[in-house]
Structures are given as C-alpha cells and as structure tokens.
Protein backbone atom coordinates (compact mmCIF):
# COMPACT_ATOMS: atom_id res chain seq x y z
CA MET A 1 -1.84 9.04 24.06
CA THR A 2 1.72 10.23 24.11
CA ASP A 3 3.07 13.58 22.85
CA GLN A 4 0.36 16.24 22.52
CA SER A 5 2.40 18.63 20.33
CA THR A 6 1.05 19.88 17.03
CA SER A 7 3.41 17.92 14.80
CA SER A 8 3.61 14.51 16.47
CA PHE A 9 1.00 11.78 16.65
CA ASP A 10 0.75 8.05 17.29
CA PHE A 11 -0.27 5.60 14.60
CA ILE A 12 -0.59 1.86 14.11
CA ASP A 13 0.44 -0.09 11.02
CA LEU A 14 -1.88 -3.03 10.24
CA PHE A 15 -1.32 -5.49 7.37
CA ALA A 16 2.01 -3.71 7.46
CA GLY A 17 3.92 -5.58 4.77
CA ILE A 18 7.31 -3.91 4.71
CA GLY A 19 6.15 -0.56 6.00
CA GLY A 20 5.31 1.61 2.99
CA LEU A 21 2.54 3.40 4.88
CA ARG A 22 4.74 3.62 7.97
CA LEU A 23 7.45 5.50 6.09
CA GLY A 24 4.87 7.96 4.81
CA LEU A 25 3.47 8.70 8.27
CA GLU A 26 6.89 8.86 9.92
CA SER A 27 7.89 11.51 7.38
CA ILE A 28 5.35 13.93 8.89
CA GLY A 29 6.23 13.26 12.52
CA GLY A 30 4.24 10.13 13.33
CA GLU A 31 5.36 7.51 15.84
CA CYS A 32 4.33 3.91 15.26
CA VAL A 33 3.06 2.34 18.50
CA PHE A 34 1.89 -1.02 17.11
CA SER A 35 2.27 -3.08 13.94
CA SER A 36 0.76 -6.31 12.64
CA GLU A 37 1.84 -8.52 9.72
CA TRP A 38 1.29 -12.26 9.43
CA ASP A 39 3.93 -13.20 6.80
CA LYS A 40 7.15 -14.36 8.52
CA HIS A 41 9.41 -13.13 5.70
CA SER A 42 7.86 -9.67 5.76
CA GLN A 43 8.16 -9.69 9.55
CA LYS A 44 11.88 -10.32 9.15
CA THR A 45 12.30 -7.37 6.79
CA TYR A 46 10.13 -5.12 8.97
CA GLU A 47 12.14 -5.94 12.07
CA ALA A 48 15.43 -5.29 10.28
CA TRP A 49 14.22 -1.94 8.94
CA TYR A 50 12.22 -0.55 11.88
CA GLY A 51 13.58 -2.36 14.91
CA GLU A 52 10.37 -4.13 15.90
CA ARG A 53 8.83 -7.45 14.95
CA PRO A 54 5.16 -7.02 14.04
CA ALA A 55 2.46 -8.96 15.83
CA GLY A 56 1.06 -11.79 13.71
CA ASP A 57 -2.42 -12.70 12.46
CA ILE A 58 -4.85 -9.86 13.18
CA ASN A 59 -7.61 -12.41 13.77
CA LEU A 60 -5.72 -13.56 16.87
CA ILE A 61 -5.29 -10.04 18.27
CA GLU A 62 -7.86 -8.75 20.76
CA PRO A 63 -8.86 -5.29 19.42
CA SER A 64 -8.99 -3.79 22.91
CA SER A 65 -5.34 -4.78 23.47
CA VAL A 66 -4.14 -2.56 20.62
CA PRO A 67 -2.62 0.68 21.97
CA ASN A 68 -4.63 3.87 21.60
CA HIS A 69 -3.57 5.82 18.51
CA HIS A 70 -4.47 8.90 16.52
CA ILE A 71 -4.15 7.47 13.00
CA LEU A 72 -4.80 3.90 11.85
CA ALA A 73 -2.91 2.86 8.71
CA ALA A 74 -3.69 -0.39 6.91
CA GLY A 75 -2.90 -1.83 3.51
CA PHE A 76 -5.48 -4.56 3.97
CA PRO A 77 -5.07 -7.61 1.69
CA CYS A 78 -5.33 -7.06 -2.03
CA GLN A 79 -5.82 -10.55 -3.48
CA PRO A 80 -9.53 -11.09 -2.79
CA PHE A 81 -10.32 -7.85 -4.63
CA SER A 82 -7.65 -7.77 -7.36
CA LEU A 83 -8.36 -8.60 -10.98
CA ALA A 84 -5.81 -11.40 -10.91
CA GLY A 85 -7.07 -12.75 -7.61
CA VAL A 86 -10.71 -12.73 -8.70
CA SER A 87 -9.87 -14.37 -12.03
CA LYS A 88 -7.88 -17.12 -10.34
CA LYS A 89 -10.53 -17.83 -7.74
CA ASN A 90 -13.29 -17.87 -10.37
CA SER A 91 -11.33 -20.39 -12.43
CA LEU A 92 -10.99 -22.61 -9.37
CA GLY A 93 -14.64 -22.28 -8.48
CA ARG A 94 -13.71 -20.57 -5.21
CA ALA A 95 -15.43 -17.65 -3.52
CA HIS A 96 -13.82 -14.24 -3.42
CA GLY A 97 -14.33 -10.84 -1.83
CA PHE A 98 -16.30 -10.98 1.42
CA ASP A 99 -17.32 -14.55 0.63
CA ASP A 100 -13.68 -15.63 0.95
CA VAL A 101 -13.58 -16.44 4.66
CA LYS A 102 -9.82 -16.70 4.84
CA GLN A 103 -8.92 -13.36 3.28
CA GLY A 104 -11.90 -11.24 2.33
CA ASN A 105 -13.27 -10.99 5.83
CA LEU A 106 -10.03 -9.52 7.14
CA PHE A 107 -11.63 -6.14 6.47
CA PHE A 108 -14.03 -6.93 9.28
CA ALA A 109 -11.13 -7.74 11.63
CA LEU A 110 -9.80 -4.30 10.70
CA SER A 111 -13.18 -2.70 11.38
CA ASP A 112 -13.24 -4.35 14.83
CA VAL A 113 -10.02 -2.51 15.71
CA ILE A 114 -11.48 0.75 14.39
CA GLU A 115 -14.63 0.26 16.44
CA ALA A 116 -12.67 -0.52 19.61
CA LYS A 117 -10.02 2.21 19.38
CA LYS A 118 -11.87 5.02 17.52
CA PRO A 119 -8.82 6.60 15.83
CA ALA A 120 -9.27 10.17 14.62
CA VAL A 121 -8.04 9.38 11.09
CA LEU A 122 -7.90 6.30 8.86
CA LEU A 123 -5.34 5.84 6.08
CA LEU A 124 -6.23 2.72 4.08
CA GLU A 125 -4.86 1.37 0.79
CA ASN A 126 -6.03 -1.31 -1.60
CA VAL A 127 -6.05 -2.29 -5.27
CA LYS A 128 -7.85 -0.23 -7.89
CA ASN A 129 -10.32 -3.03 -8.56
CA LEU A 130 -11.75 -2.70 -5.05
CA VAL A 131 -14.30 -0.14 -6.29
CA SER A 132 -15.62 -2.30 -9.13
CA HIS A 133 -15.38 -5.76 -7.56
CA ASP A 134 -18.64 -7.71 -7.48
CA ARG A 135 -20.35 -4.92 -9.47
CA GLY A 136 -19.52 -2.41 -6.77
CA LYS A 137 -21.01 -4.38 -3.88
CA THR A 138 -17.68 -4.87 -2.10
CA TRP A 139 -16.97 -1.13 -2.07
CA ARG A 140 -20.52 -0.30 -0.98
CA VAL A 141 -20.15 -2.66 1.98
CA ILE A 142 -16.78 -1.20 2.97
CA SER A 143 -17.86 2.44 2.65
CA ALA A 144 -21.13 1.74 4.46
CA ARG A 145 -19.29 0.07 7.34
CA LEU A 146 -16.86 2.98 7.68
CA ASP A 147 -19.79 5.39 7.64
CA GLU A 148 -21.52 3.30 10.30
CA LEU A 149 -18.37 3.49 12.42
CA GLY A 150 -18.58 7.28 12.29
CA TYR A 151 -16.16 8.27 9.53
CA GLU A 152 -16.40 10.76 6.71
CA VAL A 153 -14.80 8.86 3.83
CA HIS A 154 -12.69 10.25 0.99
CA ALA A 155 -11.40 7.81 -1.65
CA ARG A 156 -9.40 8.17 -4.84
CA ILE A 157 -7.35 6.00 -7.18
CA ILE A 158 -3.81 7.38 -7.41
CA ASP A 159 -1.18 6.39 -9.97
CA ALA A 160 2.27 6.22 -8.40
CA ALA A 161 3.78 7.27 -11.73
CA GLY A 162 3.56 10.82 -10.43
CA TRP A 163 6.23 9.98 -7.86
CA VAL A 164 8.20 6.95 -9.16
CA PRO A 165 8.91 5.57 -12.66
CA GLN A 166 6.14 2.96 -12.44
CA HIS A 167 2.44 2.90 -13.33
CA ARG A 168 0.82 1.62 -10.17
CA GLU A 169 -2.81 2.52 -9.56
CA ARG A 170 -4.07 2.00 -6.03
CA ILE A 171 -7.07 3.27 -4.12
CA PHE A 172 -6.40 5.36 -1.02
CA ILE A 173 -9.24 5.62 1.48
CA ILE A 174 -9.09 8.39 4.08
CA GLY A 175 -11.53 8.53 6.97
CA PHE A 176 -12.03 11.42 9.40
CA ARG A 177 -13.97 10.68 12.57
CA ARG A 178 -17.01 12.96 12.57
CA GLU A 179 -17.29 13.28 16.34
CA VAL A 180 -13.72 14.59 16.39
CA PHE A 181 -13.72 16.91 13.38
CA THR A 182 -17.31 18.13 12.94
CA PRO A 183 -16.85 20.98 15.47
CA ALA A 184 -14.17 22.46 13.20
CA PHE A 185 -15.68 21.40 9.86
CA PRO A 186 -19.49 21.24 10.19
CA GLU A 187 -19.92 21.15 6.42
CA GLY A 188 -17.36 18.41 5.85
CA VAL A 189 -13.61 17.96 6.15
CA PRO A 190 -11.76 19.95 3.43
CA PHE A 191 -9.43 17.11 2.53
CA GLU A 192 -7.82 17.09 -0.91
CA PHE A 193 -5.83 14.24 -2.41
CA PRO A 194 -2.29 15.03 -3.55
CA VAL A 195 -1.37 15.90 -7.11
CA SER A 196 2.14 15.14 -8.31
CA ASP A 197 4.40 18.00 -9.30
CA GLY A 198 4.44 16.76 -12.89
CA ARG A 199 8.17 16.13 -12.97
CA PRO A 200 9.12 13.26 -15.29
CA HIS A 201 10.43 10.07 -13.69
CA ALA A 202 12.84 7.98 -15.74
CA LEU A 203 13.38 4.26 -15.23
CA ARG A 204 17.09 4.67 -15.86
CA SER A 205 17.37 6.78 -12.70
CA ILE A 206 16.88 3.69 -10.49
CA LEU A 207 19.12 1.29 -12.44
CA ASP A 208 22.62 0.18 -11.54
CA GLU A 209 25.35 0.37 -14.17
CA GLU A 210 26.77 -3.04 -13.37
CA VAL A 211 24.53 -5.98 -12.51
CA ASP A 212 25.31 -9.62 -11.74
CA SER A 213 24.82 -11.84 -14.79
CA LYS A 214 22.43 -14.06 -12.82
CA TYR A 215 19.69 -11.51 -13.51
CA THR A 216 20.05 -11.92 -17.30
CA LEU A 217 17.37 -14.16 -18.81
CA SER A 218 18.49 -17.55 -20.05
CA ASP A 219 18.14 -18.30 -23.75
CA LEU A 220 15.39 -20.80 -22.94
CA LEU A 221 13.31 -18.35 -20.87
CA TRP A 222 13.81 -15.47 -23.32
CA ARG A 223 12.75 -17.65 -26.24
CA TYR A 224 9.67 -18.82 -24.28
CA LEU A 225 8.61 -15.25 -23.47
CA GLN A 226 9.00 -14.17 -27.09
CA ASN A 227 6.99 -17.13 -28.36
CA TYR A 228 4.30 -16.51 -25.75
CA ALA A 229 4.01 -12.87 -26.80
CA ASP A 230 3.89 -13.82 -30.51
CA LYS A 231 1.12 -16.34 -29.87
CA HIS A 232 -1.08 -13.84 -28.07
CA ARG A 233 -0.28 -11.05 -30.53
CA ALA A 234 -1.57 -13.28 -33.32
CA LYS A 235 -4.84 -13.64 -31.40
CA GLY A 236 -5.13 -9.90 -30.99
CA ASN A 237 -4.29 -9.97 -27.28
CA GLY A 238 -1.89 -7.62 -25.53
CA PHE A 239 -0.26 -10.21 -23.31
CA GLY A 240 3.49 -10.41 -23.32
CA PHE A 241 6.70 -9.21 -21.78
CA GLY A 242 7.46 -5.55 -21.14
CA LEU A 243 10.62 -3.83 -22.36
CA PRO A 244 10.06 -0.26 -21.15
CA ASN A 245 11.75 2.85 -22.47
CA LEU A 246 14.53 3.66 -20.02
CA ASP A 247 13.48 7.31 -20.14
CA GLY A 248 9.88 6.40 -19.29
CA VAL A 249 7.96 4.41 -16.71
CA THR A 250 7.30 0.70 -16.28
CA ARG A 251 4.27 -1.47 -15.89
CA THR A 252 3.15 -2.36 -12.37
CA LEU A 253 5.64 -4.45 -10.41
CA SER A 254 3.77 -7.55 -9.24
CA ALA A 255 4.34 -10.03 -6.44
CA ARG A 256 4.97 -12.70 -9.09
CA TYR A 257 7.97 -10.84 -10.52
CA HIS A 258 10.31 -13.50 -9.15
CA LYS A 259 8.87 -16.08 -11.56
CA ASP A 260 10.16 -14.66 -14.84
CA GLY A 261 10.32 -10.87 -14.50
CA SER A 262 8.35 -10.60 -17.72
CA GLU A 263 6.37 -7.44 -16.92
CA ILE A 264 9.54 -5.35 -16.49
CA LEU A 265 12.60 -6.42 -18.46
CA ILE A 266 15.66 -4.24 -18.94
CA SER A 267 17.23 -4.12 -22.40
CA GLN A 268 20.98 -4.78 -22.43
CA GLY A 269 21.55 -3.93 -26.08
CA LEU A 270 21.99 -5.99 -29.21
CA GLY A 271 23.44 -9.45 -28.75
CA ARG A 272 22.41 -9.77 -25.10
CA ASN A 273 19.22 -11.09 -23.59
CA PRO A 274 17.30 -8.64 -21.39
CA ARG A 275 17.53 -8.89 -17.62
CA ARG A 276 15.30 -8.66 -14.58
CA LEU A 277 15.49 -5.82 -12.15
CA THR A 278 17.66 -6.66 -9.18
CA PRO A 279 15.86 -6.68 -5.81
CA VAL A 280 17.54 -3.39 -4.89
CA GLU A 281 16.36 -1.83 -8.17
CA ALA A 282 12.87 -3.17 -7.50
CA GLY A 283 12.98 -1.44 -4.13
CA ARG A 284 14.02 1.83 -5.76
CA LEU A 285 11.27 1.45 -8.36
CA MET A 286 8.82 1.31 -5.46
CA GLY A 287 10.38 4.41 -3.93
CA PHE A 288 11.96 2.78 -0.89
CA PRO A 289 15.20 4.46 0.32
CA MET A 290 17.45 1.55 -0.58
CA ASP A 291 20.57 3.55 0.19
CA ARG A 292 19.82 2.95 3.87
CA LEU A 293 17.73 -0.24 3.83
CA GLU A 294 19.34 -3.67 3.57
CA ILE A 295 17.60 -6.62 1.94
CA VAL A 296 17.62 -9.43 4.52
CA VAL A 297 15.56 -12.06 2.68
CA SER A 298 16.02 -14.10 -0.49
CA ASP A 299 15.56 -12.51 -3.92
CA THR A 300 12.26 -14.37 -4.30
CA GLN A 301 10.87 -12.99 -1.03
CA ALA A 302 12.23 -9.49 -1.76
CA TYR A 303 10.41 -9.39 -5.11
CA ARG A 304 7.21 -10.59 -3.45
CA GLN A 305 7.49 -7.98 -0.73
CA PHE A 306 8.13 -5.08 -3.07
CA GLY A 307 5.38 -6.28 -5.44
CA ASN A 308 2.88 -6.22 -2.56
CA ALA A 309 4.11 -2.97 -1.01
CA VAL A 310 2.68 0.54 -0.79
CA VAL A 311 4.80 3.19 -2.52
CA PRO A 312 6.19 5.25 0.40
CA LYS A 313 6.35 8.49 -1.60
CA VAL A 314 2.64 8.27 -2.40
CA ALA A 315 1.89 7.43 1.24
CA GLU A 316 3.90 10.49 2.27
CA ALA A 317 2.07 12.72 -0.21
CA VAL A 318 -1.31 11.55 1.13
CA ALA A 319 -0.11 11.90 4.72
CA ARG A 320 0.93 15.50 4.08
CA GLN A 321 -2.59 16.27 2.87
CA ILE A 322 -3.94 14.78 6.09
CA GLU A 323 -1.47 16.96 7.99
CA ILE A 324 -2.93 20.06 6.30
CA VAL A 325 -6.39 19.16 7.64
CA LEU A 326 -5.00 18.65 11.14
CA GLN A 327 -3.28 22.03 11.00
CA GLN A 328 -6.47 23.70 9.77
CA ALA A 329 -8.37 22.15 12.67
CA ARG A 330 -5.83 23.62 15.08
CA LEU A 331 -6.16 27.06 13.50
CA LEU A 332 -9.92 26.84 13.95
CA GLY A 333 -9.41 26.20 17.65
CA LEU A 334 -9.95 22.43 17.63
CA ASP A 335 -7.48 20.41 19.66
CA TRP A 336 -8.30 17.22 17.81
CA LYS A 337 -6.13 15.06 20.05
CA VAL A 338 -7.93 16.23 23.16
CA ARG A 339 -11.27 15.84 21.41
CA MET A 340 -10.38 12.27 20.45
CA GLY A 341 -9.29 11.51 24.01
CA GLU A 342 -12.59 12.79 25.35
CA GLU A 343 -14.49 10.54 22.97
CA LEU A 344 -12.45 7.52 24.04
CA GLU A 345 -13.25 8.30 27.69
CA LEU A 346 -16.97 8.53 26.89
CA ALA A 347 -16.84 5.22 25.02
CA ALA A 348 -15.15 3.59 27.99
CA GLY A 349 -18.05 4.71 30.15
C-alpha cells in the first residue's frame, strides 16, 4: 500500500467505463492504482480524462497481478441483468444472467480479483433489475458469493434525481471486509446510504442556449416518433417519446440515445421540431464536470458512454458515507489500513 494517512487510500476501477465511480472516490482523497475497461472507445475517453489507458478484458488479467488496494470499485456489466437486456435475450432464445457465458459470468471474474486481493471495502454498481432478475436468484448468488468472500453487504437502489435532473435508479452494493472491520464494529458496520438534500434539479440548468441545428429532429423522424406514440397510446401502452418539463427531470438516459433521442427530447417552441441533447448536455445530465472534460469520440460513442455511465455525484455521495465509516473506525482505535495489510500478509502465508 502507499500513503497511510487518514484521508488517502488506493482504489482500483474495474469495468471502468468513463470513470463515474473513479470521480466519486477521487473526490474523497482516493488514488486510482489500476483500471480495466474492454471497450476501445471508452478507453480513449478514459485516457484523455485521467491520463491512463485502462487494461482490457478482465478475463485476460491475472487477479494476482492487480496492485494491492484498499477499495475496489466496479460498475460490472448491466446488460445481462437489465430489463431491456433480458427482454432482448429472451426474444432471441438466448440465455441471460449467469447463464450468459460472455457477459453474465463477468461477476465471477470480479469475484476472483476480490478473493485474490482482499480489499477492505467494495463499491459496486448495477441496474435496478439486478435484485429481481431470475426471480431473485441472480441477486441471491451475488450476495451469497460476497458473503462467502468475507464481506458484510449493504445494498440499496438510489435514484440519481436527488443529485441531477434525471430519474436514474441504480443499485449500489457496499461491502466491508469482516476480518478488517469486526474489531471496531462487532455488531455490524454502521453504514448508511446517502440521502439527497432535497434541492430541486431543473433540466434547463444543463442546457445550452444555442445548439447546432444538426441536433434538431428531421420532419421524417419527428413524424415517425409521433405516429409510434399514437399507435401505442391507442393500445393503452405508455411507450413513446419524452418531452420533459424544462423545470423538472428527465427519463433515464440510455446507451441507445444516439439512435433517435426519443426518451429525452428538448422542446424548441411552436413551429420547430424538438431536438436531442448534445453530447455535452448529456454529460452534464449525468453530472460529469463537462467544463473541464473534452469529448474525444464521436457523438454516437459519447451518447453510448454517458448512457452506460455511473453518475459521479451519486458515487461521491456514497463514497462520503464510506468515508464516515472509515473515520469512525479510526476513532475507535482501528487502523483499518494496517489491519488489512496484516490480513494480506496472512493470506500470502
């Protein structure tokens, strides 16, 4: 381990995407010592923003080669457990969840790293549907594996609308290694998930006043979206485009936003078709500090990256709650970094 001060710690960023979890942990003094992300376009963005190119496919990384770290962060893949992903795979007659060898079993690659490196704290993120997928079996397997690895697990679905003008429900899974923290908290770690301050977040706050006309929907696409919505409305379905109140919040930004932008369209007044968000606006909607981050990929890839990302402000709020536990442990006389180092030495024999 590196710095042993109270405020700093080392972490790794697995399934890193464009670093939403990283930004959250860096905000409380963390230093990233290793990152992994297989998508080449996301690697390009990550390198431009953080100065390092992530390692690739986690399946090709030997767990023992990963640097020692205090906190493991991972936004492990959403698609096998998402409502859209499950629906698509069912329609194609394909397996999903842990039966999907290509994607679902990546959780077990993650657990191999956890088993090898024994981090003191886990910070994991996934889609809301993770807890209900396969009638709860997927979540039972995940939570049982983390318990088996020695972690006290805390999980909650958090809506990012408390921090950004977007409804975005995701499950955050926090694990505290028992052998590290039990001496300070014999009755369980007093971790509490964050609660937003209740301040309203308005969509208009992230919008630019002047936007290139290329983001305005064509007459053909706008007519198609209206007809599609009318057809489903007649059937009693709620499918259709979204034109949110500019003083309110939007639907969830998805990775497919680049296709037609239908879930979040911005009204431009009478006589003009609505428009998509620009990539920079999409980044702001996700809470990324776009005043200092440059988009270095195509619009299509930028939309995909933001649609798959973790909201940094939520990651920061969760990280600050973890920090409270670490501070409490210190006050109770537990040097959790030393304790973790001792456990690693014992594991090494």
